[in-house]
Amino acid sequence: MVKNTYPGKFIVLEGPEGGGKSTQAMLLARAMEAKGYSVCLTQEPTQDGIWGKLVRFMYKSTSLRDELPAELARFISGNEYRKMRELASGARRECFADFERIAEEIMLGHYGNVPMLMQLCFMFDRHDHRVRVEIPALGEGKLVISDRDFLSTLAYGASEGLGWKQLLAIHEEILEKDFVVPDLILLLDVSPEIGLARTAKKHESGKEYFDDLEKQKKIRAYFDIVQQPPVSDLRILTVDTSRDEESVHRGIMLFVDLFVDGFS
């Protein structure tokens, strides 16, 4: 993990489904812009990156067993993927090889490593996102506010039986010098029951991959991970978001206003 040494500052909102990350990120961005900050509001998985699109496909798939093999074959044969693969070197190249190995297993009908494939996609998407969007914005002195970052990979991966320390090590291999960590992490806390009730309204077109009560209970691994080094060395604020969104926003701003005094 690399400390942010760019002139801009980096705030991330994390937490389980239904905690209000997208809403609070938008409200925070608007409030900071009103205070005169130049803000880059962004999110993961990305909407425009090839890895983000693949993750979103997996989240929304009605049957991964029926749909994922063909999608992976299309993905790996695509020009954008091949260019990224060719530019990779060292440990990152090995991670591409791991992705292809798991993809080949799935195309042969073996689905046991789908959780690792999904988190590898998140990490490759994160590296692309850092390089294309976040680091340039930080270099321009902007306040970058992101809806999700690396803690989501650790917690969601852990919820499916993957070791979070292993996932953190893979982050180091894929992002290398671009693994710039947030200056502030807002960890939005909500009960699984409330969170799922909220996502049910948001996902009216159908359930997504993690829209499940037992999965959401396991995703509370967030709150164990943030107490462990090296994650515990980061600046993390836990926020109860069971209240209405305006009350939550006011609480966030009370803290952020104090924190950003050190930005200038």
Protein backbone atom coordinates (compact mmCIF):
# COMPACT_ATOMS: atom_id res chain seq x y z
CA MET A 1 0.00 0.00 0.00
CA VAL A 2 1.29 3.44 -0.99
CA LYS A 3 0.56 6.63 0.91
CA ASN A 4 -1.03 9.37 -1.17
CA THR A 5 1.64 11.98 -1.92
CA TYR A 6 -0.31 13.77 -4.67
CA PRO A 7 -1.64 17.30 -4.11
CA GLY A 8 -5.26 16.07 -4.20
CA LYS A 9 -6.96 14.07 -1.45
CA PHE A 10 -8.74 10.73 -1.64
CA ILE A 11 -11.94 9.82 0.24
CA VAL A 12 -13.65 6.43 -0.18
CA LEU A 13 -17.07 5.23 0.98
CA GLU A 14 -17.22 1.52 1.80
CA GLY A 15 -19.65 -0.91 3.37
CA PRO A 16 -22.27 -3.61 2.82
CA GLU A 17 -25.11 -3.42 0.30
CA GLY A 18 -27.83 -0.89 1.05
CA GLY A 19 -25.70 1.32 3.26
CA GLY A 20 -26.24 4.35 1.05
CA LYS A 21 -22.73 4.66 -0.41
CA SER A 22 -23.81 6.07 -3.78
CA THR A 23 -26.23 8.55 -2.21
CA GLN A 24 -23.78 9.73 0.44
CA ALA A 25 -20.93 9.98 -2.07
CA MET A 26 -23.09 12.21 -4.28
CA LEU A 27 -24.21 14.39 -1.34
CA LEU A 28 -20.62 14.70 -0.12
CA ALA A 29 -19.38 15.65 -3.59
CA ARG A 30 -22.04 18.35 -3.95
CA ALA A 31 -21.29 19.75 -0.51
CA MET A 32 -17.55 19.89 -1.15
CA GLU A 33 -18.05 21.53 -4.55
CA ALA A 34 -20.21 24.16 -2.84
CA LYS A 35 -17.28 24.82 -0.52
CA GLY A 36 -15.05 25.48 -3.53
CA TYR A 37 -13.29 22.13 -3.93
CA SER A 38 -12.68 20.64 -7.35
CA VAL A 39 -14.21 17.17 -7.00
CA CYS A 40 -13.84 13.94 -8.97
CA LEU A 41 -16.80 11.68 -8.05
CA THR A 42 -16.30 8.11 -9.21
CA GLN A 43 -17.21 4.51 -8.39
CA GLU A 44 -16.22 0.86 -8.62
CA PRO A 45 -16.82 -1.35 -10.43
CA THR A 46 -16.36 1.16 -13.23
CA GLN A 47 -19.05 1.74 -15.82
CA ASP A 48 -16.68 2.22 -18.76
CA GLY A 49 -13.73 -0.12 -18.10
CA ILE A 50 -13.69 -3.61 -19.62
CA TRP A 51 -13.14 -5.22 -16.22
CA GLY A 52 -15.93 -3.23 -14.62
CA LYS A 53 -18.32 -4.30 -17.37
CA LEU A 54 -17.37 -7.94 -16.82
CA VAL A 55 -18.00 -7.66 -13.07
CA ARG A 56 -21.37 -6.03 -13.68
CA PHE A 57 -22.24 -8.84 -16.09
CA MET A 58 -21.49 -11.40 -13.36
CA TYR A 59 -23.47 -9.47 -10.75
CA LYS A 60 -26.55 -9.26 -12.95
CA SER A 61 -26.38 -12.70 -14.60
CA THR A 62 -29.44 -14.84 -13.98
CA SER A 63 -27.34 -18.01 -14.42
CA LEU A 64 -23.55 -17.83 -14.28
CA ARG A 65 -23.31 -21.49 -15.26
CA ASP A 66 -25.21 -20.85 -18.49
CA GLU A 67 -23.90 -17.38 -19.36
CA LEU A 68 -20.39 -16.92 -17.96
CA PRO A 69 -18.39 -19.37 -20.14
CA ALA A 70 -19.38 -17.64 -23.41
CA GLU A 71 -18.85 -14.19 -21.89
CA LEU A 72 -15.35 -15.12 -20.73
CA ALA A 73 -14.45 -16.52 -24.15
CA ARG A 74 -15.59 -13.27 -25.75
CA PHE A 75 -13.73 -11.20 -23.17
CA ILE A 76 -10.38 -12.97 -23.49
CA SER A 77 -10.47 -12.78 -27.28
CA GLY A 78 -11.14 -9.03 -27.24
CA ASN A 79 -8.56 -6.49 -28.40
CA GLU A 80 -8.65 -4.41 -25.21
CA TYR A 81 -7.92 -7.43 -23.04
CA ARG A 82 -5.08 -8.61 -25.30
CA LYS A 83 -3.45 -5.16 -25.23
CA MET A 84 -3.58 -5.05 -21.42
CA ARG A 85 -2.17 -8.58 -21.26
CA GLU A 86 0.71 -7.71 -23.55
CA LEU A 87 1.66 -4.62 -21.52
CA ALA A 88 1.72 -6.51 -18.22
CA SER A 89 5.00 -7.64 -16.73
CA GLY A 90 6.33 -9.30 -13.58
CA ALA A 91 3.83 -10.19 -10.88
CA ARG A 92 0.96 -8.52 -12.76
CA ARG A 93 1.57 -10.80 -15.75
CA GLU A 94 1.33 -13.80 -13.40
CA CYS A 95 -2.03 -12.50 -12.18
CA PHE A 96 -3.25 -12.34 -15.78
CA ALA A 97 -2.16 -15.99 -16.11
CA ASP A 98 -4.14 -16.87 -12.97
CA PHE A 99 -7.22 -15.12 -14.40
CA GLU A 100 -6.92 -17.05 -17.67
CA ARG A 101 -6.41 -20.36 -15.84
CA ILE A 102 -9.62 -19.86 -13.83
CA ALA A 103 -11.48 -18.66 -16.93
CA GLU A 104 -10.46 -21.84 -18.75
CA GLU A 105 -11.69 -23.95 -15.81
CA ILE A 106 -15.07 -22.22 -15.99
CA MET A 107 -15.28 -22.65 -19.76
CA LEU A 108 -14.72 -26.37 -19.15
CA GLY A 109 -17.60 -26.46 -16.65
CA HIS A 110 -15.73 -26.15 -13.35
CA TYR A 111 -17.11 -23.26 -11.26
CA GLY A 112 -15.36 -23.60 -7.90
CA ASN A 113 -13.10 -20.59 -8.45
CA VAL A 114 -15.77 -18.09 -9.53
CA PRO A 115 -15.29 -16.03 -6.32
CA MET A 116 -11.55 -15.60 -7.02
CA LEU A 117 -12.22 -14.80 -10.67
CA MET A 118 -14.68 -12.08 -9.62
CA GLN A 119 -12.21 -10.49 -7.19
CA LEU A 120 -9.39 -10.61 -9.75
CA CYS A 121 -11.69 -8.71 -12.11
CA PHE A 122 -12.31 -6.13 -9.38
CA MET A 123 -8.58 -5.71 -8.83
CA PHE A 124 -7.73 -5.35 -12.52
CA ASP A 125 -10.60 -2.86 -12.80
CA ARG A 126 -9.18 -1.00 -9.80
CA HIS A 127 -5.74 -0.74 -11.37
CA ASP A 128 -7.20 0.56 -14.62
CA HIS A 129 -9.36 3.00 -12.63
CA ARG A 130 -6.39 4.29 -10.62
CA VAL A 131 -4.32 4.89 -13.74
CA ARG A 132 -7.04 6.37 -15.97
CA VAL A 133 -9.09 8.40 -13.48
CA GLU A 134 -8.04 8.64 -9.85
CA ILE A 135 -4.29 9.29 -9.97
CA PRO A 136 -4.60 11.93 -12.73
CA ALA A 137 -7.31 13.69 -10.68
CA LEU A 138 -5.19 13.53 -7.52
CA GLY A 139 -2.26 14.90 -9.51
CA GLU A 140 -4.42 17.87 -10.52
CA GLY A 141 -5.14 18.60 -6.86
CA LYS A 142 -8.74 17.38 -6.94
CA LEU A 143 -10.70 15.82 -4.11
CA VAL A 144 -11.40 12.28 -5.32
CA ILE A 145 -14.52 10.70 -3.80
CA SER A 146 -15.04 7.04 -4.71
CA ASP A 147 -17.99 4.74 -4.09
CA ARG A 148 -16.04 1.56 -3.14
CA ASP A 149 -12.37 0.65 -3.24
CA PHE A 150 -10.02 -2.11 -2.06
CA LEU A 151 -11.79 -2.86 1.25
CA SER A 152 -14.76 -4.15 -0.75
CA THR A 153 -12.56 -6.78 -2.37
CA LEU A 154 -11.20 -7.89 1.00
CA ALA A 155 -14.63 -8.08 2.67
CA TYR A 156 -16.64 -9.51 -0.22
CA GLY A 157 -13.89 -12.01 -0.99
CA ALA A 158 -13.71 -13.05 2.66
CA SER A 159 -17.49 -13.56 2.66
CA GLU A 160 -16.97 -16.28 0.03
CA GLY A 161 -14.14 -18.04 1.84
CA LEU A 162 -11.13 -16.23 0.35
CA GLY A 163 -8.36 -15.06 2.67
CA TRP A 164 -8.37 -11.28 2.91
CA LYS A 165 -4.61 -11.13 3.47
CA GLN A 166 -4.10 -13.14 0.28
CA LEU A 167 -6.36 -10.70 -1.58
CA LEU A 168 -4.39 -7.76 -0.17
CA ALA A 169 -1.16 -9.38 -1.40
CA ILE A 170 -2.66 -9.79 -4.89
CA HIS A 171 -3.57 -6.09 -4.81
CA GLU A 172 0.12 -5.36 -4.26
CA GLU A 173 1.00 -7.49 -7.30
CA ILE A 174 -1.60 -6.00 -9.63
CA LEU A 175 -1.51 -2.33 -8.60
CA GLU A 176 2.17 -2.13 -7.57
CA LYS A 177 3.19 1.55 -7.26
CA ASP A 178 -0.36 2.61 -8.19
CA PHE A 179 -1.83 1.10 -4.99
CA VAL A 180 -2.46 4.56 -3.53
CA VAL A 181 -4.61 4.17 -0.41
CA PRO A 182 -7.36 6.60 0.60
CA ASP A 183 -6.64 9.45 2.98
CA LEU A 184 -10.02 8.79 4.60
CA ILE A 185 -12.35 5.78 4.49
CA LEU A 186 -15.99 6.22 5.51
CA LEU A 187 -17.29 2.76 6.42
CA LEU A 188 -21.09 2.91 6.20
CA ASP A 189 -22.73 0.46 8.58
CA VAL A 190 -26.25 -0.91 8.19
CA SER A 191 -27.86 -4.16 9.30
CA PRO A 192 -28.18 -6.87 6.63
CA GLU A 193 -31.97 -6.76 6.93
CA ILE A 194 -32.23 -3.01 6.36
CA GLY A 195 -29.60 -3.11 3.63
CA LEU A 196 -31.39 -5.83 1.68
CA ALA A 197 -34.73 -4.05 2.00
CA ARG A 198 -33.11 -1.00 0.41
CA THR A 199 -31.39 -2.94 -2.39
CA ALA A 200 -34.64 -4.74 -3.22
CA LYS A 201 -36.05 -1.35 -4.24
CA LYS A 202 -32.87 -0.45 -6.14
CA HIS A 203 -32.62 -3.79 -7.97
CA GLU A 204 -36.24 -3.94 -9.13
CA SER A 205 -35.20 -5.63 -12.39
CA GLY A 206 -33.99 -8.68 -10.46
CA LYS A 207 -31.73 -9.90 -7.66
CA GLU A 208 -27.98 -9.44 -8.02
CA TYR A 209 -25.17 -11.76 -6.95
CA PHE A 210 -24.89 -10.58 -3.34
CA ASP A 211 -28.60 -9.90 -2.73
CA ASP A 212 -28.85 -12.64 -0.12
CA LEU A 213 -29.24 -12.38 3.66
CA GLU A 214 -26.61 -14.99 4.53
CA LYS A 215 -24.10 -13.42 2.14
CA GLN A 216 -24.77 -10.00 3.62
CA LYS A 217 -24.16 -11.30 7.14
CA LYS A 218 -20.80 -12.67 6.02
CA ILE A 219 -19.92 -9.39 4.29
CA ARG A 220 -19.80 -7.83 7.73
CA ALA A 221 -16.22 -9.11 7.59
CA TYR A 222 -15.54 -5.42 6.84
CA PHE A 223 -15.75 -4.68 10.55
CA ASP A 224 -13.25 -7.39 11.51
CA ILE A 225 -10.76 -6.55 8.75
CA VAL A 226 -10.53 -2.85 9.60
CA GLN A 227 -9.30 -3.79 13.09
CA GLN A 228 -6.36 -5.76 11.70
CA PRO A 229 -2.98 -4.36 10.59
CA PRO A 230 -2.05 -3.03 8.09
CA VAL A 231 -5.66 -1.94 7.38
CA SER A 232 -6.06 -0.66 10.95
CA ASP A 233 -3.27 1.86 10.26
CA LEU A 234 -5.53 3.73 7.85
CA ARG A 235 -7.89 6.58 8.80
CA ILE A 236 -11.32 4.90 8.98
CA LEU A 237 -14.59 6.30 10.32
CA THR A 238 -17.58 3.99 10.84
CA VAL A 239 -20.94 5.67 10.19
CA ASP A 240 -24.35 4.30 11.21
CA THR A 241 -26.58 4.73 8.15
CA SER A 242 -29.78 3.24 9.54
CA ARG A 243 -31.09 6.82 9.90
CA ASP A 244 -32.52 8.95 7.08
CA GLU A 245 -30.04 10.05 4.42
CA GLU A 246 -30.03 13.75 5.37
CA SER A 247 -29.16 12.97 8.99
CA VAL A 248 -26.38 10.65 7.85
CA HIS A 249 -25.05 13.31 5.48
CA ARG A 250 -24.96 15.93 8.24
CA GLY A 251 -23.03 13.53 10.47
CA ILE A 252 -20.52 12.79 7.72
CA MET A 253 -20.03 16.49 7.01
CA LEU A 254 -19.33 17.28 10.68
CA PHE A 255 -16.34 14.97 10.50
CA VAL A 256 -15.24 15.74 6.93
CA ASP A 257 -15.27 19.49 7.64
CA LEU A 258 -12.78 18.92 10.43
CA PHE A 259 -10.70 16.54 8.35
CA VAL A 260 -10.41 18.74 5.26
CA ASP A 261 -9.02 21.64 7.27
CA GLY A 262 -5.68 19.91 6.73
CA PHE A 263 -6.14 19.69 2.95
CA SER A 264 -4.89 23.20 2.12
